[in-house]
Amino acid sequence: MRILWTDEALGDLEEILAYYYLEASPRVAEAVEKRIVGEIESLPPYPERIRESARVPGARELVVNKLPYIVFVQIREETIVVLNVVHTRKKFPA
């Protein structure tokens, strides 16, 4: 099963990392990136283990462990599509 990031999800991740880079440090930004990407990459072979989203029809929500982010994904035949990476405080979808 492959993982495909949408442009929107990549933009979300870029904004998150830029924030940590500026507000904390490059090292913290790198750790945040590793955690978010690592959890997404751990989804295969059982992506259905994450809950269905009540906010985004047809999507599932991956709550990132120890970080305030939710990753919205769609599961297709042989692909996990990363739709968005959203801070838990953000009203989504807006």
PDB file of N, CA and C in Angstrom:
ATOM      1  N   MET A   1       0.852  -1.172   0.000  1.00  0.00           N
ATOM      2  CA  MET A   1       0.000   0.000   0.000  1.00  0.00           C
ATOM      3  C   MET A   1       0.896   1.233   0.000  1.00  0.00           C
ATOM      4  N   ARG A   2       0.615   2.160  -0.909  1.00  0.00           N
ATOM      5  CA  ARG A   2       1.438   3.372  -0.982  1.00  0.00           C
ATOM      6  C   ARG A   2       0.736   4.552  -0.319  1.00  0.00           C
ATOM      7  N   ILE A   3       1.510   5.562   0.009  1.00  0.00           N
ATOM      8  CA  ILE A   3       0.993   6.768   0.646  1.00  0.00           C
ATOM      9  C   ILE A   3       1.169   7.920  -0.328  1.00  0.00           C
ATOM     10  N   LEU A   4       0.078   8.642  -0.560  1.00  0.00           N
ATOM     11  CA  LEU A   4       0.086   9.784  -1.468  1.00  0.00           C
ATOM     12  C   LEU A   4      -0.332  11.026  -0.689  1.00  0.00           C
ATOM     13  N   TRP A   5       0.499  12.044  -0.706  1.00  0.00           N
ATOM     14  CA  TRP A   5       0.202  13.307  -0.031  1.00  0.00           C
ATOM     15  C   TRP A   5      -0.421  14.267  -1.030  1.00  0.00           C
ATOM     16  N   THR A   6      -1.531  14.908  -0.660  1.00  0.00           N
ATOM     17  CA  THR A   6      -2.089  15.968  -1.491  1.00  0.00           C
ATOM     18  C   THR A   6      -1.240  17.219  -1.312  1.00  0.00           C
ATOM     19  N   ASP A   7      -1.354  18.145  -2.258  1.00  0.00           N
ATOM     20  CA  ASP A   7      -0.628  19.409  -2.138  1.00  0.00           C
ATOM     21  C   ASP A   7      -1.061  20.149  -0.880  1.00  0.00           C
ATOM     22  N   GLU A   8      -2.345  20.057  -0.559  1.00  0.00           N
ATOM     23  CA  GLU A   8      -2.860  20.731   0.642  1.00  0.00           C
ATOM     24  C   GLU A   8      -2.222  20.158   1.914  1.00  0.00           C
ATOM     25  N   ALA A   9      -2.103  18.844   1.980  1.00  0.00           N
ATOM     26  CA  ALA A   9      -1.494  18.208   3.154  1.00  0.00           C
ATOM     27  C   ALA A   9      -0.013  18.573   3.264  1.00  0.00           C
ATOM     28  N   LEU A  10       0.676  18.610   2.131  1.00  0.00           N
ATOM     29  CA  LEU A  10       2.089  19.007   2.156  1.00  0.00           C
ATOM     30  C   LEU A  10       2.230  20.459   2.616  1.00  0.00           C
ATOM     31  N   GLY A  11       1.307  21.313   2.184  1.00  0.00           N
ATOM     32  CA  GLY A  11       1.309  22.705   2.642  1.00  0.00           C
ATOM     33  C   GLY A  11       1.061  22.810   4.134  1.00  0.00           C
ATOM     34  N   ASP A  12       0.119  21.984   4.636  1.00  0.00           N
ATOM     35  CA  ASP A  12      -0.150  21.958   6.077  1.00  0.00           C
ATOM     36  C   ASP A  12       1.105  21.587   6.849  1.00  0.00           C
ATOM     37  N   LEU A  13       1.771  20.530   6.399  1.00  0.00           N
ATOM     38  CA  LEU A  13       2.981  20.066   7.080  1.00  0.00           C
ATOM     39  C   LEU A  13       4.071  21.134   7.026  1.00  0.00           C
ATOM     40  N   GLU A  14       4.208  21.776   5.889  1.00  0.00           N
ATOM     41  CA  GLU A  14       5.216  22.829   5.747  1.00  0.00           C
ATOM     42  C   GLU A  14       4.955  23.979   6.729  1.00  0.00           C
ATOM     43  N   GLU A  15       3.698  24.386   6.869  1.00  0.00           N
ATOM     44  CA  GLU A  15       3.346  25.450   7.817  1.00  0.00           C
ATOM     45  C   GLU A  15       3.642  25.040   9.257  1.00  0.00           C
ATOM     46  N   ILE A  16       3.324  23.807   9.599  1.00  0.00           N
ATOM     47  CA  ILE A  16       3.572  23.299  10.952  1.00  0.00           C
ATOM     48  C   ILE A  16       5.074  23.321  11.248  1.00  0.00           C
ATOM     49  N   LEU A  17       5.868  22.826  10.313  1.00  0.00           N
ATOM     50  CA  LEU A  17       7.312  22.760  10.527  1.00  0.00           C
ATOM     51  C   LEU A  17       7.934  24.146  10.578  1.00  0.00           C
ATOM     52  N   ALA A  18       7.450  25.066   9.754  1.00  0.00           N
ATOM     53  CA  ALA A  18       7.962  26.441   9.782  1.00  0.00           C
ATOM     54  C   ALA A  18       7.684  27.076  11.143  1.00  0.00           C
ATOM     55  N   TYR A  19       6.504  26.819  11.692  1.00  0.00           N
ATOM     56  CA  TYR A  19       6.163  27.355  13.009  1.00  0.00           C
ATOM     57  C   TYR A  19       7.148  26.851  14.066  1.00  0.00           C
ATOM     58  N   TYR A  20       7.359  25.529  14.112  1.00  0.00           N
ATOM     59  CA  TYR A  20       8.269  24.979  15.124  1.00  0.00           C
ATOM     60  C   TYR A  20       9.709  25.422  14.895  1.00  0.00           C
ATOM     61  N   TYR A  21      10.087  25.563  13.641  1.00  0.00           N
ATOM     62  CA  TYR A  21      11.436  26.020  13.319  1.00  0.00           C
ATOM     63  C   TYR A  21      11.673  27.415  13.886  1.00  0.00           C
ATOM     64  N   LEU A  22      10.686  28.310  13.701  1.00  0.00           N
ATOM     65  CA  LEU A  22      10.827  29.690  14.159  1.00  0.00           C
ATOM     66  C   LEU A  22      10.576  29.862  15.651  1.00  0.00           C
ATOM     67  N   GLU A  23       9.590  29.161  16.182  1.00  0.00           N
ATOM     68  CA  GLU A  23       9.186  29.353  17.577  1.00  0.00           C
ATOM     69  C   GLU A  23       9.961  28.488  18.567  1.00  0.00           C
ATOM     70  N   ALA A  24      10.510  27.393  18.113  1.00  0.00           N
ATOM     71  CA  ALA A  24      11.248  26.502  19.013  1.00  0.00           C
ATOM     72  C   ALA A  24      12.690  26.388  18.521  1.00  0.00           C
ATOM     73  N   SER A  25      12.901  25.458  17.581  1.00  0.00           N
ATOM     74  CA  SER A  25      14.244  25.282  17.028  1.00  0.00           C
ATOM     75  C   SER A  25      14.169  24.327  15.843  1.00  0.00           C
ATOM     76  N   PRO A  26      15.195  24.326  15.009  1.00  0.00           N
ATOM     77  CA  PRO A  26      15.229  23.363  13.902  1.00  0.00           C
ATOM     78  C   PRO A  26      15.155  21.913  14.402  1.00  0.00           C
ATOM     79  N   ARG A  27      15.742  21.677  15.539  1.00  0.00           N
ATOM     80  CA  ARG A  27      15.743  20.320  16.117  1.00  0.00           C
ATOM     81  C   ARG A  27      14.323  19.884  16.500  1.00  0.00           C
ATOM     82  N   VAL A  28      13.568  20.807  17.094  1.00  0.00           N
ATOM     83  CA  VAL A  28      12.182  20.502  17.457  1.00  0.00           C
ATOM     84  C   VAL A  28      11.356  20.284  16.190  1.00  0.00           C
ATOM     85  N   ALA A  29      11.551  21.134  15.185  1.00  0.00           N
ATOM     86  CA  ALA A  29      10.830  20.981  13.922  1.00  0.00           C
ATOM     87  C   ALA A  29      11.105  19.600  13.309  1.00  0.00           C
ATOM     88  N   GLU A  30      12.339  19.165  13.360  1.00  0.00           N
ATOM     89  CA  GLU A  30      12.709  17.854  12.822  1.00  0.00           C
ATOM     90  C   GLU A  30      12.025  16.733  13.605  1.00  0.00           C
ATOM     91  N   ALA A  31      11.962  16.866  14.911  1.00  0.00           N
ATOM     92  CA  ALA A  31      11.312  15.848  15.748  1.00  0.00           C
ATOM     93  C   ALA A  31       9.810  15.784  15.458  1.00  0.00           C
ATOM     94  N   VAL A  32       9.189  16.941  15.271  1.00  0.00           N
ATOM     95  CA  VAL A  32       7.758  16.985  14.950  1.00  0.00           C
ATOM     96  C   VAL A  32       7.513  16.327  13.588  1.00  0.00           C
ATOM     97  N   GLU A  33       8.349  16.643  12.621  1.00  0.00           N
ATOM     98  CA  GLU A  33       8.216  16.034  11.294  1.00  0.00           C
ATOM     99  C   GLU A  33       8.350  14.513  11.371  1.00  0.00           C
ATOM    100  N   LYS A  34       9.337  14.045  12.101  1.00  0.00           N
ATOM    101  CA  LYS A  34       9.535  12.590  12.232  1.00  0.00           C
ATOM    102  C   LYS A  34       8.319  11.913  12.856  1.00  0.00           C
ATOM    103  N   ARG A  35       7.730  12.550  13.863  1.00  0.00           N
ATOM    104  CA  ARG A  35       6.575  11.949  14.528  1.00  0.00           C
ATOM    105  C   ARG A  35       5.367  11.904  13.591  1.00  0.00           C
ATOM    106  N   ILE A  36       5.058  13.027  12.939  1.00  0.00           N
ATOM    107  CA  ILE A  36       3.886  13.080  12.058  1.00  0.00           C
ATOM    108  C   ILE A  36       4.057  12.108  10.887  1.00  0.00           C
ATOM    109  N   VAL A  37       5.173  12.212  10.189  1.00  0.00           N
ATOM    110  CA  VAL A  37       5.413  11.354   9.027  1.00  0.00           C
ATOM    111  C   VAL A  37       5.516   9.888   9.451  1.00  0.00           C
ATOM    112  N   GLY A  38       6.165   9.640  10.568  1.00  0.00           N
ATOM    113  CA  GLY A  38       6.305   8.262  11.055  1.00  0.00           C
ATOM    114  C   GLY A  38       4.971   7.612  11.347  1.00  0.00           C
ATOM    115  N   GLU A  39       4.050   8.356  11.955  1.00  0.00           N
ATOM    116  CA  GLU A  39       2.732   7.782  12.251  1.00  0.00           C
ATOM    117  C   GLU A  39       1.953   7.507  10.969  1.00  0.00           C
ATOM    118  N   ILE A  40       2.086   8.391   9.998  1.00  0.00           N
ATOM    119  CA  ILE A  40       1.416   8.161   8.709  1.00  0.00           C
ATOM    120  C   ILE A  40       2.017   6.945   8.023  1.00  0.00           C
ATOM    121  N   GLU A  41       3.336   6.849   8.037  1.00  0.00           N
ATOM    122  CA  GLU A  41       4.002   5.720   7.387  1.00  0.00           C
ATOM    123  C   GLU A  41       3.739   4.391   8.090  1.00  0.00           C
ATOM    124  N   SER A  42       3.274   4.439   9.329  1.00  0.00           N
ATOM    125  CA  SER A  42       2.976   3.201  10.050  1.00  0.00           C
ATOM    126  C   SER A  42       1.574   2.672   9.729  1.00  0.00           C
ATOM    127  N   LEU A  43       0.788   3.429   8.991  1.00  0.00           N
ATOM    128  CA  LEU A  43      -0.588   3.001   8.695  1.00  0.00           C
ATOM    129  C   LEU A  43      -0.665   1.695   7.903  1.00  0.00           C
ATOM    130  N   PRO A  44       0.084   1.542   6.814  1.00  0.00           N
ATOM    131  CA  PRO A  44       0.044   0.230   6.168  1.00  0.00           C
ATOM    132  C   PRO A  44       0.658  -0.790   7.117  1.00  0.00           C
ATOM    133  N   PRO A  45       0.205  -1.956   7.239  1.00  0.00           N
ATOM    134  CA  PRO A  45      -0.803  -2.629   6.428  1.00  0.00           C
ATOM    135  C   PRO A  45      -2.229  -2.562   7.003  1.00  0.00           C
ATOM    136  N   TYR A  46      -2.475  -1.824   8.082  1.00  0.00           N
ATOM    137  CA  TYR A  46      -3.808  -1.803   8.701  1.00  0.00           C
ATOM    138  C   TYR A  46      -4.361  -0.385   8.846  1.00  0.00           C
ATOM    139  N   PRO A  47      -4.573   0.327   7.748  1.00  0.00           N
ATOM    140  CA  PRO A  47      -5.041   1.709   7.854  1.00  0.00           C
ATOM    141  C   PRO A  47      -6.464   1.824   8.408  1.00  0.00           C
ATOM    142  N   GLU A  48      -7.223   0.760   8.309  1.00  0.00           N
ATOM    143  CA  GLU A  48      -8.602   0.798   8.810  1.00  0.00           C
ATOM    144  C   GLU A  48      -8.669   0.820  10.330  1.00  0.00           C
ATOM    145  N   ARG A  49      -7.528   0.740  10.988  1.00  0.00           N
ATOM    146  CA  ARG A  49      -7.516   0.774  12.455  1.00  0.00           C
ATOM    147  C   ARG A  49      -7.815   2.169  12.998  1.00  0.00           C
ATOM    148  N   ILE A  50      -7.676   3.194  12.167  1.00  0.00           N
ATOM    149  CA  ILE A  50      -8.001   4.538  12.638  1.00  0.00           C
ATOM    150  C   ILE A  50      -9.476   4.821  12.393  1.00  0.00           C
ATOM    151  N   ARG A  51     -10.038   5.680  13.233  1.00  0.00           N
ATOM    152  CA  ARG A  51     -11.484   5.893  13.226  1.00  0.00           C
ATOM    153  C   ARG A  51     -11.965   6.663  11.992  1.00  0.00           C
ATOM    154  N   GLU A  52     -13.224   6.386  11.647  1.00  0.00           N
ATOM    155  CA  GLU A  52     -13.852   7.130  10.570  1.00  0.00           C
ATOM    156  C   GLU A  52     -14.120   8.543  11.060  1.00  0.00           C
ATOM    157  N   SER A  53     -14.009   9.496  10.170  1.00  0.00           N
ATOM    158  CA  SER A  53     -14.188  10.896  10.521  1.00  0.00           C
ATOM    159  C   SER A  53     -15.657  11.286  10.505  1.00  0.00           C
ATOM    160  N   ALA A  54     -16.069  11.987  11.549  1.00  0.00           N
ATOM    161  CA  ALA A  54     -17.412  12.561  11.584  1.00  0.00           C
ATOM    162  C   ALA A  54     -17.391  13.950  10.944  1.00  0.00           C
ATOM    163  N   ARG A  55     -16.189  14.496  10.738  1.00  0.00           N
ATOM    164  CA  ARG A  55     -16.039  15.844  10.191  1.00  0.00           C
ATOM    165  C   ARG A  55     -15.859  15.877   8.684  1.00  0.00           C
ATOM    166  N   VAL A  56     -15.209  14.858   8.135  1.00  0.00           N
ATOM    167  CA  VAL A  56     -14.929  14.822   6.702  1.00  0.00           C
ATOM    168  C   VAL A  56     -15.486  13.508   6.150  1.00  0.00           C
ATOM    169  N   PRO A  57     -16.583  13.580   5.403  1.00  0.00           N
ATOM    170  CA  PRO A  57     -17.187  12.362   4.862  1.00  0.00           C
ATOM    171  C   PRO A  57     -16.200  11.569   4.008  1.00  0.00           C
ATOM    172  N   GLY A  58     -16.171  10.262   4.237  1.00  0.00           N
ATOM    173  CA  GLY A  58     -15.307   9.378   3.468  1.00  0.00           C
ATOM    174  C   GLY A  58     -13.861   9.359   3.910  1.00  0.00           C
ATOM    175  N   ALA A  59     -13.553  10.064   4.989  1.00  0.00           N
ATOM    176  CA  ALA A  59     -12.167  10.120   5.473  1.00  0.00           C
ATOM    177  C   ALA A  59     -12.051   9.430   6.824  1.00  0.00           C
ATOM    178  N   ARG A  60     -10.825   9.224   7.227  1.00  0.00           N
ATOM    179  CA  ARG A  60     -10.504   8.698   8.550  1.00  0.00           C
ATOM    180  C   ARG A  60      -9.576   9.685   9.238  1.00  0.00           C
ATOM    181  N   GLU A  61      -9.545   9.624  10.576  1.00  0.00           N
ATOM    182  CA  GLU A  61      -8.743  10.557  11.359  1.00  0.00           C
ATOM    183  C   GLU A  61      -7.666   9.822  12.145  1.00  0.00           C
ATOM    184  N   LEU A  62      -6.443  10.226  11.918  1.00  0.00           N
ATOM    185  CA  LEU A  62      -5.309   9.703  12.673  1.00  0.00           C
ATOM    186  C   LEU A  62      -4.885  10.778  13.664  1.00  0.00           C
ATOM    187  N   VAL A  63      -5.036  10.500  14.942  1.00  0.00           N
ATOM    188  CA  VAL A  63      -4.588  11.427  15.977  1.00  0.00           C
ATOM    189  C   VAL A  63      -3.103  11.161  16.208  1.00  0.00           C
ATOM    190  N   VAL A  64      -2.284  12.190  16.003  1.00  0.00           N
ATOM    191  CA  VAL A  64      -0.839  12.033  16.139  1.00  0.00           C
ATOM    192  C   VAL A  64      -0.488  11.952  17.621  1.00  0.00           C
ATOM    193  N   ASN A  65       0.156  10.877  17.999  1.00  0.00           N
ATOM    194  CA  ASN A  65       0.530  10.622  19.389  1.00  0.00           C
ATOM    195  C   ASN A  65       1.459  11.713  19.920  1.00  0.00           C
ATOM    196  N   LYS A  66       1.113  12.287  21.075  1.00  0.00           N
ATOM    197  CA  LYS A  66       1.911  13.278  21.800  1.00  0.00           C
ATOM    198  C   LYS A  66       2.061  14.620  21.088  1.00  0.00           C
ATOM    199  N   LEU A  67       1.246  14.858  20.062  1.00  0.00           N
ATOM    200  CA  LEU A  67       1.236  16.151  19.385  1.00  0.00           C
ATOM    201  C   LEU A  67      -0.217  16.567  19.153  1.00  0.00           C
ATOM    202  N   PRO A  68      -0.491  17.865  19.070  1.00  0.00           N
ATOM    203  CA  PRO A  68      -1.875  18.319  18.906  1.00  0.00           C
ATOM    204  C   PRO A  68      -2.326  18.377  17.443  1.00  0.00           C
ATOM    205  N   TYR A  69      -2.147  17.274  16.725  1.00  0.00           N
ATOM    206  CA  TYR A  69      -2.505  17.254  15.304  1.00  0.00           C
ATOM    207  C   TYR A  69      -3.342  16.035  14.952  1.00  0.00           C
ATOM    208  N   ILE A  70      -4.229  16.253  13.983  1.00  0.00           N
ATOM    209  CA  ILE A  70      -5.038  15.175  13.415  1.00  0.00           C
ATOM    210  C   ILE A  70      -4.722  15.127  11.930  1.00  0.00           C
ATOM    211  N   VAL A  71      -4.494  13.930  11.422  1.00  0.00           N
ATOM    212  CA  VAL A  71      -4.242  13.735  10.003  1.00  0.00           C
ATOM    213  C   VAL A  71      -5.493  13.112   9.403  1.00  0.00           C
ATOM    214  N   PHE A  72      -6.048  13.772   8.397  1.00  0.00           N
ATOM    215  CA  PHE A  72      -7.213  13.251   7.699  1.00  0.00           C
ATOM    216  C   PHE A  72      -6.728  12.488   6.473  1.00  0.00           C
ATOM    217  N   VAL A  73      -7.172  11.236   6.344  1.00  0.00           N
ATOM    218  CA  VAL A  73      -6.760  10.397   5.219  1.00  0.00           C
ATOM    219  C   VAL A  73      -7.971   9.729   4.595  1.00  0.00           C
ATOM    220  N   GLN A  74      -7.832   9.382   3.328  1.00  0.00           N
ATOM    221  CA  GLN A  74      -8.799   8.534   2.651  1.00  0.00           C
ATOM    222  C   GLN A  74      -8.076   7.247   2.298  1.00  0.00           C
ATOM    223  N   ILE A  75      -8.786   6.152   2.459  1.00  0.00           N
ATOM    224  CA  ILE A  75      -8.203   4.861   2.114  1.00  0.00           C
ATOM    225  C   ILE A  75      -8.833   4.405   0.810  1.00  0.00           C
ATOM    226  N   ARG A  76      -7.991   4.224  -0.187  1.00  0.00           N
ATOM    227  CA  ARG A  76      -8.438   3.747  -1.485  1.00  0.00           C
ATOM    228  C   ARG A  76      -7.868   2.357  -1.684  1.00  0.00           C
ATOM    229  N   GLU A  77      -8.095   1.741  -2.810  1.00  0.00           N
ATOM    230  CA  GLU A  77      -7.716   0.338  -3.015  1.00  0.00           C
ATOM    231  C   GLU A  77      -6.311   0.008  -2.542  1.00  0.00           C
ATOM    232  N   GLU A  78      -5.322   0.620  -3.116  1.00  0.00           N
ATOM    233  CA  GLU A  78      -3.928   0.339  -2.733  1.00  0.00           C
ATOM    234  C   GLU A  78      -3.200   1.609  -2.313  1.00  0.00           C
ATOM    235  N   THR A  79      -3.972   2.642  -1.925  1.00  0.00           N
ATOM    236  CA  THR A  79      -3.368   3.934  -1.619  1.00  0.00           C
ATOM    237  C   THR A  79      -4.001   4.555  -0.381  1.00  0.00           C
ATOM    238  N   ILE A  80      -3.171   5.138   0.434  1.00  0.00           N
ATOM    239  CA  ILE A  80      -3.626   5.985   1.536  1.00  0.00           C
ATOM    240  C   ILE A  80      -3.358   7.412   1.080  1.00  0.00           C
ATOM    241  N   VAL A  81      -4.405   8.213   0.979  1.00  0.00           N
ATOM    242  CA  VAL A  81      -4.270   9.599   0.528  1.00  0.00           C
ATOM    243  C   VAL A  81      -4.325  10.512   1.751  1.00  0.00           C
ATOM    244  N   VAL A  82      -3.241  11.236   1.992  1.00  0.00           N
ATOM    245  CA  VAL A  82      -3.182  12.181   3.104  1.00  0.00           C
ATOM    246  C   VAL A  82      -3.821  13.475   2.616  1.00  0.00           C
ATOM    247  N   LEU A  83      -4.952  13.841   3.246  1.00  0.00           N
ATOM    248  CA  LEU A  83      -5.722  15.001   2.811  1.00  0.00           C
ATOM    249  C   LEU A  83      -5.287  16.288   3.502  1.00  0.00           C
ATOM    250  N   ASN A  84      -5.144  16.239   4.822  1.00  0.00           N
ATOM    251  CA  ASN A  84      -4.801  17.419   5.618  1.00  0.00           C
ATOM    252  C   ASN A  84      -4.121  16.997   6.907  1.00  0.00           C
ATOM    253  N   VAL A  85      -3.346  17.920   7.455  1.00  0.00           N
ATOM    254  CA  VAL A  85      -2.784  17.787   8.792  1.00  0.00           C
ATOM    255  C   VAL A  85      -3.249  19.046   9.532  1.00  0.00           C
ATOM    256  N   VAL A  86      -4.068  18.854  10.571  1.00  0.00           N
ATOM    257  CA  VAL A  86      -4.756  19.968  11.206  1.00  0.00           C
ATOM    258  C   VAL A  86      -4.483  19.988  12.709  1.00  0.00           C
ATOM    259  N   HIS A  87      -4.257  21.177  13.246  1.00  0.00           N
ATOM    260  CA  HIS A  87      -4.097  21.347  14.695  1.00  0.00           C
ATOM    261  C   HIS A  87      -5.434  21.068  15.365  1.00  0.00           C
ATOM    262  N   THR A  88      -5.417  20.443  16.507  1.00  0.00           N
ATOM    263  CA  THR A  88      -6.654  20.063  17.184  1.00  0.00           C
ATOM    264  C   THR A  88      -7.494  21.262  17.625  1.00  0.00           C
ATOM    265  N   ARG A  89      -6.896  22.416  17.781  1.00  0.00           N
ATOM    266  CA  ARG A  89      -7.640  23.611  18.173  1.00  0.00           C
ATOM    267  C   ARG A  89      -8.357  24.275  17.000  1.00  0.00           C
ATOM    268  N   LYS A  90      -7.953  23.928  15.798  1.00  0.00           N
ATOM    269  CA  LYS A  90      -8.531  24.541  14.607  1.00  0.00           C
ATOM    270  C   LYS A  90      -9.883  23.928  14.310  1.00  0.00           C
ATOM    271  N   LYS A  91     -10.854  24.781  14.046  1.00  0.00           N
ATOM    272  CA  LYS A  91     -12.168  24.287  13.650  1.00  0.00           C
ATOM    273  C   LYS A  91     -12.047  23.778  12.226  1.00  0.00           C
ATOM    274  N   PHE A  92     -12.313  22.495  12.028  1.00  0.00           N
ATOM    275  CA  PHE A  92     -12.109  21.888  10.716  1.00  0.00           C
ATOM    276  C   PHE A  92     -13.271  20.989  10.383  1.00  0.00           C
ATOM    277  N   PRO A  93     -13.805  20.971   9.193  1.00  0.00           N
ATOM    278  CA  PRO A  93     -13.432  21.916   8.125  1.00  0.00           C
ATOM    279  C   PRO A  93     -14.029  23.282   8.389  1.00  0.00           C
ATOM    280  N   ALA A  94     -13.326  24.287   7.904  1.00  0.00           N
ATOM    281  CA  ALA A  94     -13.764  25.672   8.131  1.00  0.00           C
ATOM    282  C   ALA A  94     -14.293  26.290   6.866  1.00  0.00           C
TER     283      ALA A  94
END
